Amino acid sequence: MVAAPEADALREAAYFVDRLVTERMPLAGLVLNRTHPLYADLSHRPREAAAGQLEADGVAPLAAAVLRLHVDRVDTARREKRLLARFGKAHPLVPVITVPAMARNVHDLPGLREMGHRLAGGTG
């Protein structure tokens, strides 16, 4: 089963997991697609303060914008973790693998190969 890290998508995935279990059909697991992992998690207050100070000073607007993007990414990653935890609590026996969002949509063989590599534990 494949789902996006969004409330509606995971609710639908949970419904189908329940149906598969009821019908005694096989389920290999859940692929949580297009996630937003954190590669650096700065403390919330310092990054907010730093972005605000940079904006106020007007000396580094690009750095302030990057910090704001990071704040959004952290918030998104935390929301996704909460949603996945809720799914995992309801379906503890379902294996889950996460695949980070890619820079482009997968629509061709090279993209599918890269996705397969990521699913097999590679980083792309």
C-alpha atoms as a PDB file:
ATOM      1  CA  MET A   1       0.000   0.000   0.000  1.00  0.00           C
ATOM      2  CA  VAL A   2       1.268   3.496  -0.828  1.00  0.00           C
ATOM      3  CA  ALA A   3       0.077   6.680   0.864  1.00  0.00           C
ATOM      4  CA  ALA A   4       1.135  10.282   1.207  1.00  0.00           C
ATOM      5  CA  PRO A   5       1.901  11.599   4.706  1.00  0.00           C
ATOM      6  CA  GLU A   6      -1.419  13.417   4.926  1.00  0.00           C
ATOM      7  CA  ALA A   7      -4.343  12.810   7.273  1.00  0.00           C
ATOM      8  CA  ASP A   8      -6.876  11.880   4.579  1.00  0.00           C
ATOM      9  CA  ALA A   9      -4.469   9.579   2.744  1.00  0.00           C
ATOM     10  CA  LEU A  10      -3.465   7.741   5.918  1.00  0.00           C
ATOM     11  CA  ARG A  11      -7.091   7.457   7.012  1.00  0.00           C
ATOM     12  CA  GLU A  12      -7.870   5.849   3.650  1.00  0.00           C
ATOM     13  CA  ALA A  13      -4.832   3.562   3.963  1.00  0.00           C
ATOM     14  CA  ALA A  14      -5.998   2.509   7.442  1.00  0.00           C
ATOM     15  CA  TYR A  15      -9.422   1.678   6.022  1.00  0.00           C
ATOM     16  CA  PHE A  16      -7.881  -0.516   3.318  1.00  0.00           C
ATOM     17  CA  VAL A  17      -5.546  -2.192   5.807  1.00  0.00           C
ATOM     18  CA  ASP A  18      -8.571  -3.078   7.930  1.00  0.00           C
ATOM     19  CA  ARG A  19     -10.382  -4.423   4.868  1.00  0.00           C
ATOM     20  CA  LEU A  20      -7.380  -6.519   3.825  1.00  0.00           C
ATOM     21  CA  VAL A  21      -7.087  -7.974   7.316  1.00  0.00           C
ATOM     22  CA  THR A  22     -10.827  -8.712   7.416  1.00  0.00           C
ATOM     23  CA  GLU A  23     -10.668 -10.442   4.045  1.00  0.00           C
ATOM     24  CA  ARG A  24      -7.441 -12.249   5.044  1.00  0.00           C
ATOM     25  CA  MET A  25      -5.600 -10.821   2.086  1.00  0.00           C
ATOM     26  CA  PRO A  26      -1.817 -10.272   2.133  1.00  0.00           C
ATOM     27  CA  LEU A  27      -0.304  -6.905   2.898  1.00  0.00           C
ATOM     28  CA  ALA A  28       3.426  -6.361   2.560  1.00  0.00           C
ATOM     29  CA  GLY A  29       3.351  -2.997   4.318  1.00  0.00           C
ATOM     30  CA  LEU A  30       2.903   0.721   3.845  1.00  0.00           C
ATOM     31  CA  VAL A  31       5.108   2.944   1.728  1.00  0.00           C
ATOM     32  CA  LEU A  32       4.807   6.467   3.095  1.00  0.00           C
ATOM     33  CA  ASN A  33       5.647   8.459  -0.017  1.00  0.00           C
ATOM     34  CA  ARG A  34       6.837  12.041  -0.404  1.00  0.00           C
ATOM     35  CA  THR A  35       7.944  12.566   3.182  1.00  0.00           C
ATOM     36  CA  HIS A  36      10.014  15.495   4.412  1.00  0.00           C
ATOM     37  CA  PRO A  37      12.828  14.164   6.611  1.00  0.00           C
ATOM     38  CA  LEU A  38      15.014  16.540   8.569  1.00  0.00           C
ATOM     39  CA  TYR A  39      18.689  16.670   7.778  1.00  0.00           C
ATOM     40  CA  ALA A  40      19.369  19.350  10.401  1.00  0.00           C
ATOM     41  CA  ASP A  41      17.043  20.131  13.272  1.00  0.00           C
ATOM     42  CA  LEU A  42      17.858  23.484  14.763  1.00  0.00           C
ATOM     43  CA  SER A  43      16.110  24.475  17.969  1.00  0.00           C
ATOM     44  CA  HIS A  44      12.813  26.230  17.267  1.00  0.00           C
ATOM     45  CA  ARG A  45      13.378  29.485  19.162  1.00  0.00           C
ATOM     46  CA  PRO A  46      16.885  30.208  17.870  1.00  0.00           C
ATOM     47  CA  ARG A  47      15.912  29.687  14.230  1.00  0.00           C
ATOM     48  CA  GLU A  48      12.803  31.844  14.608  1.00  0.00           C
ATOM     49  CA  ALA A  49      14.800  34.525  16.404  1.00  0.00           C
ATOM     50  CA  ALA A  50      17.616  34.369  13.857  1.00  0.00           C
ATOM     51  CA  ALA A  51      15.223  34.678  10.924  1.00  0.00           C
ATOM     52  CA  GLY A  52      13.442  37.600  12.595  1.00  0.00           C
ATOM     53  CA  GLN A  53      16.701  39.361  13.360  1.00  0.00           C
ATOM     54  CA  LEU A  54      18.016  38.888   9.825  1.00  0.00           C
ATOM     55  CA  GLU A  55      14.765  40.225   8.394  1.00  0.00           C
ATOM     56  CA  ALA A  56      14.782  43.193  10.767  1.00  0.00           C
ATOM     57  CA  ASP A  57      18.400  44.042   9.970  1.00  0.00           C
ATOM     58  CA  GLY A  58      17.820  43.641   6.245  1.00  0.00           C
ATOM     59  CA  VAL A  59      21.404  42.481   5.797  1.00  0.00           C
ATOM     60  CA  ALA A  60      20.821  38.861   4.817  1.00  0.00           C
ATOM     61  CA  PRO A  61      17.372  38.409   3.277  1.00  0.00           C
ATOM     62  CA  LEU A  62      18.360  35.145   1.599  1.00  0.00           C
ATOM     63  CA  ALA A  63      19.575  33.639   4.882  1.00  0.00           C
ATOM     64  CA  ALA A  64      16.340  34.745   6.570  1.00  0.00           C
ATOM     65  CA  ALA A  65      14.309  33.124   3.799  1.00  0.00           C
ATOM     66  CA  VAL A  66      16.263  29.876   4.128  1.00  0.00           C
ATOM     67  CA  LEU A  67      15.666  29.841   7.887  1.00  0.00           C
ATOM     68  CA  ARG A  68      11.934  30.392   7.271  1.00  0.00           C
ATOM     69  CA  LEU A  69      11.932  27.480   4.812  1.00  0.00           C
ATOM     70  CA  HIS A  70      13.667  25.356   7.411  1.00  0.00           C
ATOM     71  CA  VAL A  71      11.038  26.291  10.010  1.00  0.00           C
ATOM     72  CA  ASP A  72       8.324  25.184   7.577  1.00  0.00           C
ATOM     73  CA  ARG A  73      10.172  21.940   6.840  1.00  0.00           C
ATOM     74  CA  VAL A  74      10.531  21.142  10.545  1.00  0.00           C
ATOM     75  CA  ASP A  75       6.835  21.787  11.100  1.00  0.00           C
ATOM     76  CA  THR A  76       5.945  19.565   8.135  1.00  0.00           C
ATOM     77  CA  ALA A  77       8.244  16.755   9.305  1.00  0.00           C
ATOM     78  CA  ARG A  78       6.794  16.862  12.820  1.00  0.00           C
ATOM     79  CA  ARG A  79       3.235  16.744  11.465  1.00  0.00           C
ATOM     80  CA  GLU A  80       4.126  13.765   9.286  1.00  0.00           C
ATOM     81  CA  LYS A  81       5.678  11.960  12.288  1.00  0.00           C
ATOM     82  CA  ARG A  82       2.525  12.527  14.343  1.00  0.00           C
ATOM     83  CA  LEU A  83       0.333  11.175  11.539  1.00  0.00           C
ATOM     84  CA  LEU A  84       2.554   8.130  11.071  1.00  0.00           C
ATOM     85  CA  ALA A  85       2.600   7.493  14.825  1.00  0.00           C
ATOM     86  CA  ARG A  86      -1.205   7.549  14.849  1.00  0.00           C
ATOM     87  CA  PHE A  87      -1.299   5.065  11.963  1.00  0.00           C
ATOM     88  CA  GLY A  88       1.313   2.871  13.675  1.00  0.00           C
ATOM     89  CA  LYS A  89      -0.614   2.860  16.940  1.00  0.00           C
ATOM     90  CA  ALA A  90      -3.757   1.654  15.143  1.00  0.00           C
ATOM     91  CA  HIS A  91      -1.842  -0.851  12.953  1.00  0.00           C
ATOM     92  CA  PRO A  92       1.285  -1.920  14.867  1.00  0.00           C
ATOM     93  CA  LEU A  93       1.895  -5.032  12.753  1.00  0.00           C
ATOM     94  CA  VAL A  94       2.044  -3.182   9.433  1.00  0.00           C
ATOM     95  CA  PRO A  95       5.649  -2.577   8.347  1.00  0.00           C
ATOM     96  CA  VAL A  96       6.273   0.983   7.160  1.00  0.00           C
ATOM     97  CA  ILE A  97       8.985   2.413   4.957  1.00  0.00           C
ATOM     98  CA  THR A  98       9.275   6.120   4.196  1.00  0.00           C
ATOM     99  CA  VAL A  99      10.455   7.603   0.927  1.00  0.00           C
ATOM    100  CA  PRO A 100      11.432  11.275   0.852  1.00  0.00           C
ATOM    101  CA  ALA A 101       9.864  13.611  -1.681  1.00  0.00           C
ATOM    102  CA  MET A 102      11.864  13.713  -4.866  1.00  0.00           C
ATOM    103  CA  ALA A 103      12.701  16.828  -6.822  1.00  0.00           C
ATOM    104  CA  ARG A 104      10.474  15.688  -9.673  1.00  0.00           C
ATOM    105  CA  ASN A 105       7.524  13.370 -10.214  1.00  0.00           C
ATOM    106  CA  VAL A 106       8.298   9.762 -11.036  1.00  0.00           C
ATOM    107  CA  HIS A 107       6.977   9.143 -14.534  1.00  0.00           C
ATOM    108  CA  ASP A 108       9.655   7.181 -16.376  1.00  0.00           C
ATOM    109  CA  LEU A 109      11.992   4.198 -15.989  1.00  0.00           C
ATOM    110  CA  PRO A 110      14.936   6.164 -14.544  1.00  0.00           C
ATOM    111  CA  GLY A 111      12.583   7.644 -11.941  1.00  0.00           C
ATOM    112  CA  LEU A 112      11.196   4.197 -11.101  1.00  0.00           C
ATOM    113  CA  ARG A 113      14.741   2.834 -10.776  1.00  0.00           C
ATOM    114  CA  GLU A 114      15.627   5.636  -8.379  1.00  0.00           C
ATOM    115  CA  MET A 115      12.455   4.962  -6.384  1.00  0.00           C
ATOM    116  CA  GLY A 116      13.307   1.257  -6.252  1.00  0.00           C
ATOM    117  CA  HIS A 117      16.797   2.129  -5.029  1.00  0.00           C
ATOM    118  CA  ARG A 118      15.323   4.281  -2.273  1.00  0.00           C
ATOM    119  CA  LEU A 119      12.828   1.585  -1.285  1.00  0.00           C
ATOM    120  CA  ALA A 120      15.697  -0.897  -1.089  1.00  0.00           C
ATOM    121  CA  GLY A 121      17.456   1.332   1.442  1.00  0.00           C
ATOM    122  CA  GLY A 122      19.534   3.573  -0.793  1.00  0.00           C
ATOM    123  CA  THR A 123      19.471   7.336  -0.522  1.00  0.00           C
ATOM    124  CA  GLY A 124      19.236   8.201  -4.181  1.00  0.00           C
END
